[in-house]
């Protein structure tokens, strides 16, 4: 699916304001998502409505405005900052006379571009196929381009029935592969538990600096870029604390979260995310400079709750302090439990404090505050 999107490297973006308080942030994320997918924005069309139009999501006047702009700019793609129903997508494409995708399709496209490991590719393809399964009619898409080309039709069968059968078989195969990979991870996790190695997962909103922190702590070379979902595949490394070979920690870098993360992606990546749910400690990385950091923290915690990781102890890592000239340091609650650490993964300021905090938690697992006890007060 991502081949056709990235080939159309220019697009008109469409975002409608229905009165949601996070509209401005969602709009900025749409720009970043398009950029991360390698799409250059030709124009942005905005509008206000009380509720989506059942037929075309936007009103007829707004759709005509989009169509005129597409014709004028010869735009090969229109990206809606919303989830569209199959009927809405079909009607819009017919009216605008160009390809139309929604926010979920755009995020799936980015995930397809980023997936490097076998498991990551399986998870992305599974999410794509489940998404496409409701959109086989009227999308004017060549099934052969989707890497599950259909075979010859049998007597009395329609092409749609063949497409759906092929798709269902592929989904079943991918689910079986994910089950095998999950069993392999469970064996690895049991081996770690037997060796008494603490497991730490780095979580956070996308582009908060998780991979930079991971690289700093592990001397790894995980891909880092100022893009949404720069890191997709979960990477794990073993580190030693305070030079003691007995104080080992397995550190895992995970995919970043975002507002309105497509449910299909969460479902497809559940087996990987369950590794986070089995961690002994979460390092929740937050961009201290983001004016939306409180909302971003809430979004991450929402996904963590969805995968059953809401009760795992957290240390909140406020990253990028160098951009505001803030001091590195550790904050504790009234019980002496570590609640947050201010640091800069880029410069290394505060990393010694983080390592010391990990050693403290390693020696006394109750030293980290539970997520439900954490309240970000005066976090700057």
Foldseek 3Di string as FASTA:
>chain_A
DLVVVLVLQEEEEEEECQPDPCRVVLVVVVCQLSVLSNHHYPYYHYYYDNFADPQQRDDPVSLVVLLVVCVVVVRQEYEYSDDDALRNQLNSCVSSVHHYDYPQVSVLSSQCVQDDDPLSNLLSLLLVLVVCLRNPPRNPDQVVVSVQHFDDDDPPDDPNVRSNVSSVVSNVVSVVVLVVVLVVVVVVVVVCVVLLAAEEEEAFAFQLCQVLLVCLQAVDCQDDDNGGFNDADKDWDKGAFPPDPSHIYIYIYHTHDDPCNDPSSLVSCLSVCVVVLPGQEYAYGFALPDPCRVVRVVRRLVSCVVSNNQFRFYEYEHEDVVVVVDAWDWDADPVQATHYTYAYSVVCHNVNVVSVNSSVCSVPVVRGHRPVVDDCDPVD
